[in-house]
Amino acid sequence: MATRKSQSRNREFRFVVPAEMKAAGIAKFGPPSVLKLCTVPVPRPGPHEVLIAVHAAGVGIWDAMRRDGSWAEGDAKFPVIPGLDGAGVIVEMGERVRRFHIGDRVWAYQYENPKGGFGAEYVTVDADHVGALPSTLSMLEGGTAAVTGLTALQGCDDHLGVRRGETVMIFGASGAVGTLAVQFVARYRKARVIAIASGSAAAKLLTELGADIVIDGRRRDALDRIKATAPDGLDAILAFADSPVLRGAMKLVKRGGRVAYPNGVEPEPKRKGVRVIGYDAEPSPAAFARLARAVSAFDFQVPIAASYSLARASQAHARIERGHVVGRIVLKIR
């Protein structure tokens, strides 16, 4: 097999890049079983791209939608390799990349990457979609927290502008994004958090992460409990899922309050007199630098529900589709 040698300013780092790699790919859209371990060429980085030896990759419901064709746009070029984010080590760089060095630990997020997703031994990513992985995070944690961390922090800061002492309801708080959002709102921005989730394990975890109160959204009296907990109303809502409880809670948001949700939550939350913002996570050098500062500012935790090998990626997708994952699923590749 042909190889490419990566050189580093760090003499201790030596890496030989092979011509081919293992990846969890699909030859057609379908259920989790269509996801197979395959051998494909290692993607070469262009002038403004980096090649990352992937150590860990996050698995989300968006990956399942990519696999089953729900997110298909135009004619798909098979094999399709799902995976929006992950963490690893830079082993090759394009000639225009200046921010990194060979051997740097990084995390990255790129939507609809034409050169393949993170469910592989290597991934090539635009350098502007890559950030230096904070020393406080392991590769496994970083691999699960790039897109979810950006989504949570940008929802908290950019779209809600959460302020100290405000009362913020986080709906879908036990999921991959919600568990991080609870920490940013409660422990980073010092706001009061009402977390909506279900199950005793989720309630215990969210309390440990900083939620002031956890309410089971499946209970018939859930809305009454929210009202009792926030008698003066809610300053803001960060919503990661929909339910009748969320729709009812929208009426509790104060006039001039704010509601934010990642695009994909349906039906879209609505309320007159309240600013409602749908958004997508936006990767950039500045966004990753800000995320790194935020996660390093306190005892940040990345809840991992389960890890799977690359060869078991189909099982990871099946677990995601069963729902009610507390934290995030991860592929442990190296």
Protein backbone atom coordinates (compact mmCIF):
# COMPACT_ATOMS: atom_id res chain seq x y z
CA MET A 1 0.00 0.00 0.00
CA ALA A 2 1.34 3.44 -0.91
CA THR A 3 1.96 5.82 1.95
CA ARG A 4 2.47 9.53 2.53
CA LYS A 5 4.77 10.75 5.28
CA SER A 6 3.66 13.65 7.44
CA GLN A 7 6.40 15.81 8.90
CA SER A 8 6.01 17.88 12.05
CA ARG A 9 7.83 20.71 13.79
CA ASN A 10 7.55 18.41 16.79
CA ARG A 11 10.28 15.84 16.21
CA GLU A 12 8.50 13.35 18.46
CA PHE A 13 5.50 13.18 16.12
CA ARG A 14 5.81 10.80 13.18
CA PHE A 15 2.88 9.63 11.12
CA VAL A 16 2.64 7.65 7.90
CA VAL A 17 -0.59 8.32 6.02
CA PRO A 18 -1.79 5.29 4.05
CA ALA A 19 -3.43 5.47 0.65
CA GLU A 20 -6.56 3.71 1.91
CA MET A 21 -8.59 3.70 5.12
CA LYS A 22 -11.46 1.95 6.86
CA ALA A 23 -14.76 3.82 6.99
CA ALA A 24 -18.36 3.18 8.04
CA GLY A 25 -20.13 3.92 4.76
CA ILE A 26 -23.29 3.19 2.85
CA ALA A 27 -23.74 2.04 -0.75
CA LYS A 28 -27.43 2.97 -0.65
CA PHE A 29 -29.84 4.79 1.65
CA GLY A 30 -31.69 2.66 4.17
CA PRO A 31 -31.89 1.36 7.77
CA PRO A 32 -28.86 1.02 10.09
CA SER A 33 -27.98 -2.33 8.51
CA VAL A 34 -26.86 -0.61 5.27
CA LEU A 35 -23.96 0.95 7.18
CA LYS A 36 -20.95 -1.30 6.51
CA LEU A 37 -17.23 -1.21 7.19
CA CYS A 38 -15.55 -0.54 3.85
CA THR A 39 -12.16 0.39 2.42
CA VAL A 40 -11.91 3.72 0.60
CA PRO A 41 -9.12 6.09 -0.46
CA VAL A 42 -7.84 8.53 2.13
CA PRO A 43 -9.10 11.98 1.00
CA ARG A 44 -6.34 14.38 0.06
CA PRO A 45 -6.48 17.88 1.57
CA GLY A 46 -6.85 20.85 -0.75
CA PRO A 47 -4.94 24.15 -0.28
CA HIS A 48 -7.13 25.33 2.64
CA GLU A 49 -7.88 21.93 4.18
CA VAL A 50 -6.37 19.65 6.81
CA LEU A 51 -6.29 15.87 6.99
CA ILE A 52 -7.20 14.57 10.46
CA ALA A 53 -6.46 11.10 11.81
CA VAL A 54 -9.78 10.62 13.59
CA HIS A 55 -9.74 9.33 17.16
CA ALA A 56 -13.44 9.77 17.99
CA ALA A 57 -16.55 10.83 16.07
CA GLY A 58 -19.93 11.87 17.39
CA VAL A 59 -23.10 10.10 16.27
CA GLY A 60 -26.37 12.04 16.21
CA ILE A 61 -29.86 11.68 14.83
CA TRP A 62 -28.73 13.90 11.95
CA ASP A 63 -26.29 11.14 10.95
CA ALA A 64 -29.13 8.64 10.86
CA MET A 65 -31.08 11.03 8.63
CA ARG A 66 -28.08 11.29 6.34
CA ARG A 67 -27.88 7.50 6.20
CA ASP A 68 -31.57 6.87 5.49
CA GLY A 69 -31.78 9.54 2.78
CA SER A 70 -33.87 12.09 4.71
CA TRP A 71 -31.08 14.65 4.25
CA ALA A 72 -30.23 13.65 0.69
CA GLU A 73 -29.63 16.64 -1.57
CA GLY A 74 -29.32 15.98 -5.29
CA ASP A 75 -27.53 12.90 -6.57
CA ALA A 76 -25.58 11.21 -3.80
CA LYS A 77 -22.09 9.97 -4.56
CA PHE A 78 -21.71 6.57 -2.90
CA PRO A 79 -20.24 5.39 -0.69
CA VAL A 80 -21.63 8.04 1.67
CA ILE A 81 -19.74 8.34 4.96
CA PRO A 82 -21.89 9.94 7.70
CA GLY A 83 -20.51 11.99 10.59
CA LEU A 84 -20.60 15.74 11.13
CA ASP A 85 -17.99 16.10 13.87
CA GLY A 86 -15.10 14.49 15.63
CA ALA A 87 -11.65 14.90 17.14
CA GLY A 88 -8.20 13.72 16.22
CA VAL A 89 -4.70 14.73 15.17
CA ILE A 90 -3.70 16.74 12.10
CA VAL A 91 -1.44 14.61 9.90
CA GLU A 92 -1.39 16.63 6.67
CA MET A 93 -2.17 20.21 5.65
CA GLY A 94 -2.81 22.21 2.51
CA GLU A 95 -0.22 24.81 1.54
CA ARG A 96 -2.43 27.76 2.57
CA VAL A 97 -3.09 26.55 6.12
CA ARG A 98 -1.24 28.67 8.67
CA ARG A 99 -3.11 28.23 11.98
CA PHE A 100 -2.06 24.64 12.67
CA HIS A 101 0.90 22.29 12.72
CA ILE A 102 1.22 18.59 12.02
CA GLY A 103 0.51 16.75 15.28
CA ASP A 104 -1.97 19.28 16.69
CA ARG A 105 -4.92 17.86 18.65
CA VAL A 106 -8.11 19.28 17.14
CA TRP A 107 -11.88 19.01 17.05
CA ALA A 108 -13.91 19.85 13.96
CA TYR A 109 -17.39 20.13 12.48
CA GLN A 110 -18.37 20.27 8.83
CA TYR A 111 -21.87 19.83 7.42
CA GLU A 112 -22.26 18.03 4.09
CA ASN A 113 -18.53 17.50 3.64
CA PRO A 114 -17.99 16.53 -0.02
CA LYS A 115 -14.90 14.52 0.94
CA GLY A 116 -16.72 12.33 3.47
CA GLY A 117 -17.77 12.45 7.11
CA PHE A 118 -16.03 11.67 10.39
CA GLY A 119 -17.08 8.01 10.54
CA ALA A 120 -13.70 6.97 9.15
CA GLU A 121 -10.05 6.61 10.09
CA TYR A 122 -9.27 9.91 8.33
CA VAL A 123 -11.26 12.97 7.35
CA THR A 124 -10.35 16.03 5.29
CA VAL A 125 -11.92 19.26 6.54
CA ASP A 126 -11.81 22.96 5.65
CA ALA A 127 -9.35 24.53 8.12
CA ASP A 128 -11.90 27.17 9.12
CA HIS A 129 -14.09 24.38 10.49
CA VAL A 130 -11.36 23.16 12.85
CA GLY A 131 -10.29 24.28 16.31
CA ALA A 132 -7.51 23.42 18.74
CA LEU A 133 -8.87 20.86 21.22
CA PRO A 134 -8.68 22.22 24.79
CA SER A 135 -6.26 20.34 27.02
CA THR A 136 -9.10 19.83 29.50
CA LEU A 137 -10.90 17.49 27.09
CA SER A 138 -9.97 13.98 26.04
CA MET A 139 -10.20 12.90 22.41
CA LEU A 140 -13.37 10.96 23.23
CA GLU A 141 -14.96 14.03 24.81
CA GLY A 142 -13.82 16.33 22.03
CA GLY A 143 -15.14 13.94 19.40
CA THR A 144 -18.64 14.22 20.82
CA ALA A 145 -18.70 17.93 21.65
CA ALA A 146 -17.84 19.91 18.53
CA VAL A 147 -21.22 20.38 16.81
CA THR A 148 -23.14 19.93 20.07
CA GLY A 149 -20.92 22.38 21.93
CA LEU A 150 -21.21 25.02 19.21
CA THR A 151 -24.98 24.52 19.05
CA ALA A 152 -25.39 24.81 22.82
CA LEU A 153 -23.09 27.81 23.33
CA GLN A 154 -24.37 29.78 20.34
CA GLY A 155 -27.94 29.16 21.44
CA CYS A 156 -27.12 30.39 24.94
CA ASP A 157 -25.00 33.41 24.01
CA ASP A 158 -25.62 34.51 20.42
CA HIS A 159 -29.34 33.88 20.14
CA LEU A 160 -30.70 34.11 23.69
CA GLY A 161 -28.09 36.39 25.23
CA VAL A 162 -28.60 34.70 28.60
CA ARG A 163 -27.83 36.93 31.57
CA ARG A 164 -26.99 36.16 35.18
CA GLY A 165 -30.05 35.52 37.33
CA GLU A 166 -32.52 34.96 34.49
CA THR A 167 -34.87 31.96 34.48
CA VAL A 168 -34.26 29.78 31.43
CA MET A 169 -36.14 26.63 30.51
CA ILE A 170 -34.16 24.03 28.52
CA PHE A 171 -36.43 21.56 26.76
CA GLY A 172 -34.88 18.24 25.71
CA ALA A 173 -32.20 18.84 28.32
CA SER A 174 -30.91 15.28 28.62
CA GLY A 175 -29.82 14.96 24.98
CA ALA A 176 -26.45 15.51 23.36
CA VAL A 177 -26.91 19.29 23.02
CA GLY A 178 -29.13 19.79 26.05
CA THR A 179 -26.64 18.39 28.57
CA LEU A 180 -24.05 20.91 27.37
CA ALA A 181 -26.55 23.78 27.21
CA VAL A 182 -27.53 23.22 30.84
CA GLN A 183 -23.91 23.75 31.84
CA PHE A 184 -23.37 26.85 29.72
CA VAL A 185 -26.57 28.48 30.97
CA ALA A 186 -26.28 27.46 34.64
CA ARG A 187 -22.56 27.27 35.35
CA TYR A 188 -21.08 29.61 32.74
CA ARG A 189 -23.74 32.34 32.52
CA LYS A 190 -25.07 31.82 36.09
CA ALA A 191 -28.74 31.74 35.12
CA ARG A 192 -31.47 29.69 36.78
CA VAL A 193 -32.23 26.54 34.77
CA ILE A 194 -35.48 24.60 34.60
CA ALA A 195 -34.56 21.43 32.72
CA ILE A 196 -37.24 19.36 31.00
CA ALA A 197 -36.34 15.69 30.58
CA SER A 198 -37.65 12.27 31.51
CA GLY A 199 -36.35 9.42 33.60
CA SER A 200 -34.53 9.24 36.92
CA ALA A 201 -31.09 8.84 35.31
CA ALA A 202 -31.59 12.02 33.30
CA ALA A 203 -32.84 13.91 36.36
CA LYS A 204 -29.82 12.87 38.42
CA LEU A 205 -27.35 13.82 35.69
CA LEU A 206 -28.95 17.20 34.95
CA THR A 207 -28.94 18.10 38.63
CA GLU A 208 -25.23 17.28 38.76
CA LEU A 209 -24.66 19.45 35.66
CA GLY A 210 -26.22 22.49 37.31
CA ALA A 211 -29.98 22.45 36.65
CA ASP A 212 -31.90 24.07 39.49
CA ILE A 213 -34.95 21.91 38.91
CA VAL A 214 -35.69 18.99 36.60
CA ILE A 215 -39.26 18.36 35.49
CA ASP A 216 -40.41 15.18 33.76
CA GLY A 217 -42.01 16.36 30.52
CA ARG A 218 -44.10 13.18 30.27
CA ARG A 219 -46.05 13.87 33.47
CA ARG A 220 -49.57 15.18 33.11
CA ASP A 221 -48.84 17.97 35.58
CA ALA A 222 -45.56 19.01 33.90
CA LEU A 223 -46.89 22.39 32.77
CA ASP A 224 -48.38 23.10 36.19
CA ARG A 225 -45.01 22.33 37.77
CA ILE A 226 -43.26 24.71 35.39
CA LYS A 227 -45.77 27.44 36.30
CA ALA A 228 -45.21 26.82 40.01
CA THR A 229 -41.45 26.89 39.59
CA ALA A 230 -41.50 30.11 37.57
CA PRO A 231 -44.46 32.11 38.94
CA ASP A 232 -43.14 35.32 37.38
CA GLY A 233 -42.70 33.68 33.99
CA LEU A 234 -39.73 32.54 31.91
CA ASP A 235 -37.09 34.89 30.54
CA ALA A 236 -36.06 32.48 27.81
CA ILE A 237 -36.46 28.98 26.40
CA LEU A 238 -33.84 26.89 24.62
CA ALA A 239 -35.70 24.07 22.85
CA PHE A 240 -34.12 20.93 21.42
CA ALA A 241 -37.35 18.95 20.88
CA ASP A 242 -41.07 19.55 20.53
CA SER A 243 -44.02 18.45 22.67
CA PRO A 244 -47.34 19.80 23.93
CA VAL A 245 -45.51 20.80 27.11
CA LEU A 246 -43.18 23.07 25.13
CA ARG A 247 -46.10 24.64 23.32
CA GLY A 248 -47.81 25.31 26.63
CA ALA A 249 -44.64 26.68 28.19
CA MET A 250 -44.29 29.17 25.32
CA LYS A 251 -47.21 31.03 26.90
CA LEU A 252 -45.17 31.44 30.09
CA VAL A 253 -42.40 33.42 28.39
CA LYS A 254 -42.48 37.05 29.47
CA ARG A 255 -43.26 39.78 26.95
CA GLY A 256 -39.95 40.69 25.37
CA GLY A 257 -38.58 37.24 26.23
CA ARG A 258 -36.63 35.03 23.86
CA VAL A 259 -36.94 31.51 22.46
CA ALA A 260 -34.24 29.77 20.43
CA TYR A 261 -34.16 26.37 18.78
CA PRO A 262 -31.84 24.61 16.32
CA ASN A 263 -33.35 24.27 12.86
CA GLY A 264 -34.95 20.86 12.57
CA VAL A 265 -37.19 21.13 15.63
CA GLU A 266 -40.69 20.75 14.23
CA PRO A 267 -43.22 22.22 14.40
CA GLU A 268 -41.31 25.46 14.87
CA PRO A 269 -42.09 27.15 18.21
CA LYS A 270 -44.24 30.28 17.86
CA ARG A 271 -45.44 33.00 20.23
CA LYS A 272 -46.57 36.57 19.59
CA GLY A 273 -44.65 39.22 21.50
CA VAL A 274 -41.66 36.94 21.95
CA ARG A 275 -38.52 36.78 19.81
CA VAL A 276 -38.31 33.25 18.37
CA ILE A 277 -35.04 32.33 16.63
CA GLY A 278 -34.22 29.23 14.61
CA TYR A 279 -30.51 28.73 14.05
CA ASP A 280 -27.73 26.39 12.94
CA ALA A 281 -24.36 25.95 14.60
CA GLU A 282 -21.81 28.09 12.75
CA PRO A 283 -18.20 26.83 12.80
CA SER A 284 -15.33 29.30 12.39
CA PRO A 285 -11.91 29.88 13.97
CA ALA A 286 -13.47 32.48 16.29
CA ALA A 287 -16.37 30.18 17.20
CA PHE A 288 -14.04 27.31 18.15
CA ALA A 289 -11.79 29.66 20.14
CA ARG A 290 -14.82 30.93 22.08
CA LEU A 291 -16.05 27.39 22.69
CA ALA A 292 -12.61 26.40 23.97
CA ARG A 293 -12.60 29.33 26.41
CA ALA A 294 -16.08 28.44 27.63
CA VAL A 295 -15.38 24.75 28.30
CA SER A 296 -12.13 25.64 30.06
CA ALA A 297 -13.82 28.17 32.36
CA PHE A 298 -15.40 25.59 34.70
CA ASP A 299 -15.56 21.86 35.35
CA PHE A 300 -17.19 21.13 32.00
CA GLN A 301 -18.49 17.60 31.46
CA VAL A 302 -19.33 15.75 28.25
CA PRO A 303 -21.86 13.02 29.07
CA ILE A 304 -21.27 9.98 26.86
CA ALA A 305 -24.13 7.50 26.72
CA ALA A 306 -22.22 4.74 24.89
CA SER A 307 -19.21 4.20 22.66
CA TYR A 308 -18.90 1.88 19.67
CA SER A 309 -16.07 0.78 17.42
CA LEU A 310 -16.07 1.83 13.78
CA ALA A 311 -17.06 -1.72 12.81
CA ARG A 312 -20.15 -1.41 15.04
CA ALA A 313 -21.33 1.92 13.60
CA SER A 314 -24.61 0.35 12.48
CA GLN A 315 -25.37 -0.54 16.10
CA ALA A 316 -24.64 3.05 17.11
CA HIS A 317 -27.15 4.26 14.51
CA ALA A 318 -29.74 1.73 15.69
CA ARG A 319 -29.31 2.98 19.27
CA ILE A 320 -29.78 6.60 18.17
CA GLU A 321 -32.98 5.71 16.37
CA ARG A 322 -34.45 4.03 19.46
CA GLY A 323 -34.38 7.45 21.10
CA HIS A 324 -34.05 8.73 24.69
CA VAL A 325 -30.25 8.82 24.68
CA VAL A 326 -28.92 10.57 27.78
CA GLY A 327 -25.83 12.39 26.52
CA ARG A 328 -24.25 11.42 23.21
CA ILE A 329 -23.21 8.33 21.28
CA VAL A 330 -19.60 8.18 20.08
CA LEU A 331 -17.52 6.10 17.67
CA LYS A 332 -14.14 5.28 19.20
CA ILE A 333 -11.89 4.97 16.16
CA ARG A 334 -8.38 5.18 17.65
